Amino acid sequence: MQEQLKEQIFEQCQHQYNDIVAIRRDIHQHPELRFDVERTAGIAAKELESLGMHVKTGIGKTGVVGDLEVSGARKRIALRADMDALPIQELTDVPYKSKIDGKAHLCGHDAHTAMLIGTARILSHFKDELNANIRFVFQPCEEAYPGGAQAMISDGVLDDVDEIYGLHVFPLFPVGQYATCVGPMLAQSDIFDITITGRGGHAAFPHLTVDPIVLGVQFVNAVQSIVARNVNPLDSAVVSITQFHGGDAKNVIPPSVMLGGTVRTLDKDVQKQVRTQLENLLAGIVKAHDATYTFSYQEGCPVTYNHEPCVETVVSTAHSLVGEENVNYPISPILGGEDFACYSQKIPACFVMVGAGNEQKGIVNMCHHPQFDIDERCMIYGMALTVSLGLKEF
């Protein structure tokens, strides 16, 4: 990248910064869940329309797509942002905290939406220098499965698109850095629900019961051996029990308990192995104590796969923007999940982490933490990267 162009890009990003921060904070205060993102989608659509783009709404139920058409261009690049929040209570004390109890942007999708709006503005400014048509994709329902990516694909969001890029703010890297890798970048994320049914009774007479709490605890402990003693140490897997519910009174052994959790894997064979072992352990423990169980397992988004040519483009662009020392490449795959995976199964794609942490400001909490936040300066670097990708030559 020419030094003059780099300076122009950062100048434009800095010019947009205060407005983009205001948009991010407005969205942050009004979080919307899953497909119910009409307010946020309306902000995106209005912005794209003001730039003279052809805009489609209601794509994938509530998604927004805007096309910046370039005369004579034969290629089309898509840039994607997700719009939905999480059903979590925010515990920060920032002036722009969520105004809605039980809902909050604790994964940075507010920043993703704001950055893509800024990118659309800047690329419209650089329209005469573009070599490709640009499609701006504002997606609902990334946080739940089945999510918005597949719904948008079904409505044609990838029609005539040659490549797609997505990014995610990531507080474990400081502002001014990027991170990515070739191949599996993020995990397949599955969920499971379990009910263990024993025989309830008086807490003073446990010998007359089959205590499902004891069986549930045995199962939780046994699960820890799945990855440690069944999965090849050179493979990656996570099994987390995240829910355990049972009992209503302190002097009553309940008849049943409910457990839930998630499995994260990067390889289909490992995923099948973990799933099988989960139920085998459950069945063995429960049947040994004359109890019963139900086991429901739902496969989630597949592995988010980064295609090498797209990664090469991202890495070389990032090097030009911030220097090799600030580009973490290749990183090890991350066992978080992302429905950007649905796009990368269809066309060449790359997903990138944008550093958003700042230890001096106390911005260190990971996504989905009730005190998650970002150093908003990261949005300058997010916009700089997507603008640069839009300006790439074919």
Protein backbone atom coordinates (compact mmCIF):
# COMPACT_ATOMS: atom_id res chain seq x y z
CA MET A 1 0.00 0.00 0.00
CA GLN A 2 1.29 3.43 -0.89
CA GLU A 3 2.15 5.58 2.11
CA GLN A 4 0.03 8.43 0.79
CA LEU A 5 -3.04 6.18 0.50
CA LYS A 6 -2.45 4.81 4.00
CA GLU A 7 -2.38 8.36 5.37
CA GLN A 8 -5.58 9.21 3.53
CA ILE A 9 -7.32 6.14 4.91
CA PHE A 10 -6.38 6.89 8.52
CA GLU A 11 -7.27 10.56 7.99
CA GLN A 12 -10.74 9.55 6.84
CA CYS A 13 -11.13 7.10 9.71
CA GLN A 14 -10.14 9.77 12.19
CA HIS A 15 -12.55 12.20 10.52
CA GLN A 16 -15.42 9.73 11.00
CA TYR A 17 -14.37 8.63 14.47
CA ASN A 18 -16.46 10.88 16.72
CA ASP A 19 -19.62 10.24 14.72
CA ILE A 20 -19.01 6.50 14.64
CA VAL A 21 -18.48 6.48 18.40
CA ALA A 22 -21.82 8.27 18.79
CA ILE A 23 -23.55 5.68 16.59
CA ARG A 24 -21.94 2.83 18.53
CA ARG A 25 -23.03 4.30 21.87
CA ASP A 26 -26.58 4.88 20.64
CA ILE A 27 -26.84 1.25 19.51
CA HIS A 28 -25.23 0.14 22.77
CA GLN A 29 -27.93 1.86 24.80
CA HIS A 30 -30.70 0.21 22.78
CA PRO A 31 -29.72 -3.47 22.45
CA GLU A 32 -31.87 -5.85 20.42
CA LEU A 33 -31.80 -9.64 20.42
CA ARG A 34 -31.67 -12.27 17.72
CA PHE A 35 -33.81 -11.33 14.70
CA ASP A 36 -35.57 -8.49 16.54
CA VAL A 37 -33.08 -5.83 15.44
CA GLU A 38 -35.42 -3.47 13.60
CA ARG A 39 -34.08 -0.29 15.23
CA THR A 40 -30.45 -1.13 14.56
CA ALA A 41 -31.21 -2.30 11.03
CA GLY A 42 -33.07 0.95 10.43
CA ILE A 43 -29.97 2.95 11.39
CA ALA A 44 -27.83 0.94 8.95
CA ALA A 45 -30.36 1.18 6.12
CA LYS A 46 -30.76 4.94 6.54
CA GLU A 47 -26.99 5.44 6.45
CA LEU A 48 -26.56 3.36 3.28
CA GLU A 49 -29.46 5.09 1.55
CA SER A 50 -27.95 8.48 2.37
CA LEU A 51 -24.85 7.39 0.45
CA GLY A 52 -26.93 6.69 -2.67
CA MET A 53 -26.60 2.92 -2.52
CA HIS A 54 -29.14 0.35 -3.64
CA VAL A 55 -30.38 -0.95 -0.30
CA LYS A 56 -32.41 -4.06 0.50
CA THR A 57 -34.03 -4.63 3.88
CA GLY A 58 -35.66 -7.72 5.32
CA ILE A 59 -32.86 -9.95 4.04
CA GLY A 60 -32.62 -12.96 6.34
CA LYS A 61 -35.73 -11.62 8.13
CA THR A 62 -34.25 -8.35 9.42
CA GLY A 63 -30.87 -7.98 7.71
CA VAL A 64 -29.76 -5.07 5.55
CA VAL A 65 -27.70 -5.20 2.36
CA GLY A 66 -26.28 -2.23 0.51
CA ASP A 67 -24.37 -2.33 -2.79
CA LEU A 68 -21.79 0.23 -3.82
CA GLU A 69 -21.58 -0.26 -7.58
CA VAL A 70 -18.40 0.64 -9.42
CA SER A 71 -18.47 1.23 -13.16
CA GLY A 72 -16.61 -1.50 -15.04
CA ALA A 73 -15.87 -3.60 -11.94
CA ARG A 74 -16.04 -7.36 -12.46
CA LYS A 75 -15.56 -8.47 -8.88
CA ARG A 76 -17.67 -7.98 -5.76
CA ILE A 77 -16.36 -7.98 -2.18
CA ALA A 78 -18.71 -8.36 0.78
CA LEU A 79 -18.03 -6.84 4.19
CA ARG A 80 -20.14 -8.16 7.06
CA ALA A 81 -21.17 -6.84 10.47
CA ASP A 82 -23.51 -8.46 13.00
CA MET A 83 -26.14 -6.39 14.83
CA ASP A 84 -27.62 -8.40 17.72
CA ALA A 85 -26.95 -8.13 21.44
CA LEU A 86 -26.95 -10.70 24.25
CA PRO A 87 -29.56 -11.59 26.90
CA ILE A 88 -27.20 -10.58 29.73
CA GLN A 89 -27.43 -7.83 32.35
CA GLU A 90 -24.71 -5.23 31.81
CA LEU A 91 -22.73 -4.44 34.97
CA THR A 92 -20.63 -1.53 33.77
CA ASP A 93 -21.12 2.06 34.92
CA VAL A 94 -20.34 3.75 31.59
CA PRO A 95 -22.63 6.65 30.64
CA TYR A 96 -23.78 4.78 27.52
CA LYS A 97 -24.70 1.52 29.28
CA SER A 98 -27.72 -0.46 28.16
CA LYS A 99 -31.09 1.11 28.94
CA ILE A 100 -32.86 -2.25 28.75
CA ASP A 101 -32.65 -4.68 31.66
CA GLY A 102 -31.42 -8.13 30.71
CA LYS A 103 -30.11 -7.09 27.30
CA ALA A 104 -26.69 -5.70 26.45
CA HIS A 105 -24.09 -5.42 23.72
CA LEU A 106 -21.45 -7.45 25.52
CA CYS A 107 -19.85 -8.95 22.41
CA GLY A 108 -19.10 -5.79 20.42
CA HIS A 109 -21.71 -6.09 17.68
CA ASP A 110 -22.63 -2.45 18.29
CA ALA A 111 -19.06 -1.54 17.32
CA HIS A 112 -19.13 -3.88 14.31
CA THR A 113 -22.26 -2.16 12.99
CA ALA A 114 -20.87 1.32 13.60
CA MET A 115 -17.55 0.45 11.94
CA LEU A 116 -19.24 -0.90 8.84
CA ILE A 117 -21.29 2.29 8.58
CA GLY A 118 -18.03 4.25 8.77
CA THR A 119 -16.45 1.99 6.17
CA ALA A 120 -19.41 2.57 3.84
CA ARG A 121 -18.99 6.32 4.18
CA ILE A 122 -15.26 6.22 3.53
CA LEU A 123 -15.42 3.82 0.58
CA SER A 124 -18.11 6.02 -0.96
CA HIS A 125 -15.61 8.87 -0.61
CA PHE A 126 -12.99 6.73 -2.40
CA LYS A 127 -15.45 5.41 -5.00
CA ASP A 128 -13.41 6.61 -7.97
CA GLU A 129 -10.46 4.53 -6.75
CA LEU A 130 -12.36 1.29 -6.21
CA ASN A 131 -11.61 -1.76 -8.34
CA ALA A 132 -14.53 -3.88 -7.12
CA ASN A 133 -18.15 -3.52 -6.22
CA ILE A 134 -18.68 -3.54 -2.46
CA ARG A 135 -21.56 -5.23 -0.64
CA PHE A 136 -22.23 -4.12 2.91
CA VAL A 137 -23.91 -6.86 4.94
CA PHE A 138 -25.61 -6.05 8.25
CA GLN A 139 -26.66 -9.36 9.77
CA PRO A 140 -29.13 -10.19 12.56
CA CYS A 141 -28.97 -13.09 15.01
CA GLU A 142 -25.33 -14.10 15.22
CA GLU A 143 -25.64 -15.07 18.88
CA ALA A 144 -28.27 -17.81 18.47
CA TYR A 145 -28.59 -20.90 16.30
CA PRO A 146 -29.86 -21.25 13.65
CA GLY A 147 -28.67 -17.73 13.03
CA GLY A 148 -28.87 -14.87 10.63
CA ALA A 149 -26.03 -15.87 8.31
CA GLN A 150 -27.84 -18.89 6.91
CA ALA A 151 -31.07 -16.93 6.65
CA MET A 152 -29.31 -14.19 4.66
CA ILE A 153 -27.63 -16.74 2.42
CA SER A 154 -31.04 -18.25 1.68
CA ASP A 155 -32.19 -14.77 0.65
CA GLY A 156 -29.28 -14.38 -1.77
CA VAL A 157 -26.80 -12.25 0.15
CA LEU A 158 -23.86 -14.06 -1.47
CA ASP A 159 -25.18 -13.84 -5.03
CA ASP A 160 -22.41 -12.53 -7.30
CA VAL A 161 -20.03 -12.12 -4.33
CA ASP A 162 -16.44 -13.28 -4.91
CA GLU A 163 -15.02 -12.84 -1.40
CA ILE A 164 -16.32 -11.93 2.06
CA TYR A 165 -14.54 -10.48 5.07
CA GLY A 166 -15.65 -10.12 8.68
CA LEU A 167 -14.03 -8.82 11.84
CA HIS A 168 -14.57 -8.98 15.57
CA VAL A 169 -13.35 -6.70 18.34
CA PHE A 170 -11.20 -8.72 20.72
CA PRO A 171 -10.05 -7.35 24.09
CA LEU A 172 -7.30 -9.95 24.57
CA PHE A 173 -5.26 -8.02 21.99
CA PRO A 174 -4.47 -4.32 22.51
CA VAL A 175 -5.76 -1.55 20.30
CA GLY A 176 -3.72 -1.22 17.12
CA GLN A 177 -3.23 -4.95 16.55
CA TYR A 178 -4.87 -7.54 14.31
CA ALA A 179 -4.96 -11.34 14.53
CA THR A 180 -5.91 -14.14 12.14
CA CYS A 181 -4.83 -17.49 10.73
CA VAL A 182 -5.29 -19.79 7.74
CA GLY A 183 -7.73 -22.69 7.99
CA PRO A 184 -9.87 -23.27 11.10
CA MET A 185 -10.15 -19.94 12.92
CA LEU A 186 -13.15 -20.54 15.19
CA ALA A 187 -14.79 -23.69 16.47
CA GLN A 188 -17.97 -25.57 15.77
CA SER A 189 -20.17 -24.70 18.72
CA ASP A 190 -22.74 -27.30 19.81
CA ILE A 191 -25.09 -27.30 22.79
CA PHE A 192 -26.70 -30.05 24.85
CA ASP A 193 -29.50 -30.42 27.40
CA ILE A 194 -29.76 -33.22 29.94
CA THR A 195 -32.42 -34.29 32.44
CA ILE A 196 -31.54 -36.85 35.11
CA THR A 197 -34.56 -38.36 36.82
CA GLY A 198 -34.19 -40.31 40.06
CA ARG A 199 -36.59 -40.65 42.97
CA GLY A 200 -37.22 -37.67 45.19
CA GLY A 201 -38.01 -37.70 48.87
CA HIS A 202 -37.31 -36.37 52.35
CA ALA A 203 -33.78 -35.07 52.84
CA ALA A 204 -33.58 -36.87 56.20
CA PHE A 205 -34.19 -40.24 54.49
CA PRO A 206 -31.77 -40.24 51.51
CA HIS A 207 -31.62 -44.03 51.52
CA LEU A 208 -35.21 -44.08 50.30
CA THR A 209 -34.40 -41.87 47.31
CA VAL A 210 -32.32 -41.94 44.16
CA ASP A 211 -30.67 -38.53 44.43
CA PRO A 212 -30.33 -36.92 40.97
CA ILE A 213 -28.14 -34.14 42.38
CA VAL A 214 -25.49 -36.67 43.39
CA LEU A 215 -25.70 -38.28 39.95
CA GLY A 216 -25.47 -34.89 38.27
CA VAL A 217 -22.37 -34.00 40.26
CA GLN A 218 -20.78 -37.35 39.34
CA PHE A 219 -21.52 -36.63 35.70
CA VAL A 220 -20.06 -33.11 35.83
CA ASN A 221 -16.87 -34.48 37.36
CA ALA A 222 -16.68 -37.33 34.87
CA VAL A 223 -17.07 -34.94 31.95
CA GLN A 224 -13.71 -33.39 32.84
CA SER A 225 -12.03 -36.61 31.67
CA ILE A 226 -13.44 -36.46 28.15
CA VAL A 227 -10.92 -33.98 26.79
CA ALA A 228 -8.14 -34.92 29.23
CA ARG A 229 -8.31 -38.69 28.61
CA ASN A 230 -10.22 -39.29 25.37
CA VAL A 231 -9.21 -36.54 22.93
CA ASN A 232 -5.76 -36.57 21.36
CA PRO A 233 -3.69 -33.88 23.12
CA LEU A 234 -2.76 -32.47 19.70
CA ASP A 235 -6.44 -31.88 18.89
CA SER A 236 -8.62 -29.16 20.36
CA ALA A 237 -11.87 -29.53 22.27
CA VAL A 238 -13.77 -27.88 25.08
CA VAL A 239 -16.70 -29.30 27.05
CA SER A 240 -18.29 -26.89 29.50
CA ILE A 241 -21.25 -27.56 31.77
CA THR A 242 -22.88 -24.14 32.09
CA GLN A 243 -26.25 -24.97 33.69
CA PHE A 244 -27.24 -27.12 36.68
CA HIS A 245 -30.76 -26.72 38.05
CA GLY A 246 -32.56 -28.82 40.64
CA GLY A 247 -34.57 -28.60 43.79
CA ASP A 248 -36.97 -26.09 45.32
CA ALA A 249 -36.66 -26.74 49.05
CA LYS A 250 -33.73 -27.32 51.39
CA ASN A 251 -35.32 -30.34 53.07
CA VAL A 252 -36.40 -32.14 49.88
CA ILE A 253 -34.33 -34.26 47.54
CA PRO A 254 -35.75 -33.40 44.10
CA PRO A 255 -36.95 -36.01 41.64
CA SER A 256 -34.87 -34.61 38.79
CA VAL A 257 -32.17 -32.15 37.77
CA MET A 258 -31.46 -30.38 34.50
CA LEU A 259 -28.01 -29.69 33.08
CA GLY A 260 -26.84 -27.90 29.96
CA GLY A 261 -23.62 -26.99 28.29
CA THR A 262 -21.57 -26.57 25.17
CA VAL A 263 -19.04 -28.53 23.11
CA ARG A 264 -16.44 -26.71 21.00
CA THR A 265 -14.32 -28.55 18.42
CA LEU A 266 -12.28 -27.87 15.29
CA ASP A 267 -12.54 -31.33 13.73
CA LYS A 268 -15.64 -33.36 12.85
CA ASP A 269 -14.19 -36.66 14.05
CA VAL A 270 -13.31 -35.10 17.41
CA GLN A 271 -16.81 -33.64 17.64
CA LYS A 272 -18.38 -37.05 17.08
CA GLN A 273 -16.05 -38.63 19.65
CA VAL A 274 -16.92 -36.04 22.30
CA ARG A 275 -20.64 -36.30 21.65
CA THR A 276 -20.57 -40.10 21.95
CA GLN A 277 -18.49 -40.05 25.12
CA LEU A 278 -20.80 -37.49 26.73
CA GLU A 279 -23.80 -39.77 26.42
CA ASN A 280 -21.81 -42.90 27.31
CA LEU A 281 -20.71 -41.33 30.61
CA LEU A 282 -24.21 -40.11 31.34
CA ALA A 283 -25.78 -43.48 30.60
CA GLY A 284 -23.25 -45.39 32.72
CA ILE A 285 -23.63 -43.18 35.78
CA VAL A 286 -27.41 -42.99 35.63
CA LYS A 287 -28.07 -46.66 34.94
CA ALA A 288 -25.68 -47.73 37.70
CA HIS A 289 -28.00 -46.01 40.18
CA ASP A 290 -31.34 -47.13 38.76
CA ALA A 291 -32.21 -43.67 37.40
CA THR A 292 -33.15 -42.47 33.90
CA TYR A 293 -32.09 -39.60 31.65
CA THR A 294 -32.87 -37.66 28.51
CA PHE A 295 -30.08 -36.30 26.32
CA SER A 296 -30.62 -33.69 23.61
CA TYR A 297 -27.65 -32.60 21.47
CA GLN A 298 -27.86 -29.80 18.90
CA GLU A 299 -25.08 -29.16 16.42
CA GLY A 300 -24.35 -25.48 15.98
CA CYS A 301 -22.45 -23.42 13.47
CA PRO A 302 -19.65 -25.26 11.71
CA VAL A 303 -15.97 -24.36 11.95
CA THR A 304 -15.16 -20.87 10.70
CA TYR A 305 -12.63 -21.54 7.96
CA ASN A 306 -10.25 -18.88 6.64
CA HIS A 307 -9.20 -19.30 3.01
CA GLU A 308 -5.50 -18.78 2.34
CA PRO A 309 -5.73 -16.20 -0.51
CA CYS A 310 -8.06 -14.02 1.57
CA VAL A 311 -5.84 -14.37 4.63
CA GLU A 312 -2.81 -13.37 2.58
CA THR A 313 -4.68 -10.25 1.50
CA VAL A 314 -5.64 -9.40 5.09
CA VAL A 315 -2.16 -10.01 6.49
CA SER A 316 -0.35 -7.98 3.81
CA THR A 317 -2.88 -5.17 4.21
CA ALA A 318 -2.53 -5.23 7.99
CA HIS A 319 1.26 -5.16 7.71
CA SER A 320 0.97 -2.03 5.58
CA LEU A 321 -1.35 -0.37 8.08
CA VAL A 322 0.32 -1.13 11.44
CA GLY A 323 3.59 -2.96 10.74
CA GLU A 324 4.41 -6.65 11.06
CA GLU A 325 5.02 -6.36 14.81
CA ASN A 326 1.34 -5.53 15.36
CA VAL A 327 -0.08 -8.37 13.27
CA ASN A 328 -0.53 -11.60 15.22
CA TYR A 329 -0.18 -14.21 12.51
CA PRO A 330 -0.73 -17.04 12.56
CA ILE A 331 -2.61 -17.29 15.83
CA SER A 332 -3.86 -20.59 17.20
CA PRO A 333 -7.53 -21.25 16.47
CA ILE A 334 -9.99 -19.85 19.00
CA LEU A 335 -12.72 -22.10 20.39
CA GLY A 336 -15.39 -19.43 20.28
CA GLY A 337 -18.04 -19.93 17.59
CA GLU A 338 -19.26 -17.64 14.82
CA ASP A 339 -21.92 -18.05 12.16
CA PHE A 340 -19.61 -16.24 9.75
CA ALA A 341 -18.72 -19.90 9.21
CA CYS A 342 -21.79 -20.24 6.99
CA TYR A 343 -20.35 -17.69 4.56
CA SER A 344 -16.89 -19.24 4.56
CA GLN A 345 -18.40 -22.59 3.59
CA LYS A 346 -19.76 -21.02 0.41
CA ILE A 347 -17.10 -18.60 -0.89
CA PRO A 348 -13.52 -17.51 -0.11
CA ALA A 349 -13.50 -15.71 3.23
CA CYS A 350 -11.40 -14.40 6.08
CA PHE A 351 -12.36 -13.54 9.65
CA VAL A 352 -10.10 -11.17 11.59
CA MET A 353 -9.75 -10.17 15.23
CA VAL A 354 -9.24 -6.45 15.87
CA GLY A 355 -7.47 -5.59 19.12
CA ALA A 356 -9.80 -3.70 21.48
CA GLY A 357 -8.15 -4.08 24.88
CA ASN A 358 -6.46 -1.48 27.05
CA GLU A 359 -5.08 -2.63 30.41
CA GLN A 360 -4.47 0.94 31.61
CA LYS A 361 -8.16 1.70 31.17
CA GLY A 362 -9.21 -1.61 32.71
CA ILE A 363 -10.60 -2.85 29.41
CA VAL A 364 -9.59 -6.49 29.75
CA ASN A 365 -12.82 -8.45 30.10
CA MET A 366 -13.58 -11.01 27.43
CA CYS A 367 -16.67 -10.98 25.24
CA HIS A 368 -19.87 -12.10 27.04
CA HIS A 369 -18.55 -10.85 30.39
CA PRO A 370 -21.10 -8.56 32.16
CA GLN A 371 -18.42 -5.84 32.32
CA PHE A 372 -17.20 -6.23 28.75
CA ASP A 373 -16.28 -3.03 26.93
CA ILE A 374 -13.87 -1.87 24.25
CA ASP A 375 -11.36 0.90 23.84
CA GLU A 376 -13.31 2.71 21.14
CA ARG A 377 -10.12 3.73 19.35
CA CYS A 378 -10.10 0.17 18.01
CA MET A 379 -12.82 1.26 15.60
CA ILE A 380 -10.32 3.42 13.75
CA TYR A 381 -8.25 0.31 13.04
CA GLY A 382 -11.28 -1.78 12.20
CA MET A 383 -12.44 0.77 9.65
CA ALA A 384 -8.92 1.20 8.27
CA LEU A 385 -8.71 -2.53 7.58
CA THR A 386 -12.10 -2.92 5.89
CA VAL A 387 -11.61 0.26 3.87
CA SER A 388 -8.24 -1.06 2.69
CA LEU A 389 -9.76 -4.41 1.76
CA GLY A 390 -12.39 -2.58 -0.27
CA LEU A 391 -9.65 -0.75 -2.11
CA LYS A 392 -7.70 -3.90 -2.98
CA GLU A 393 -6.70 -4.54 -6.56
CA PHE A 394 -7.72 -7.63 -8.51
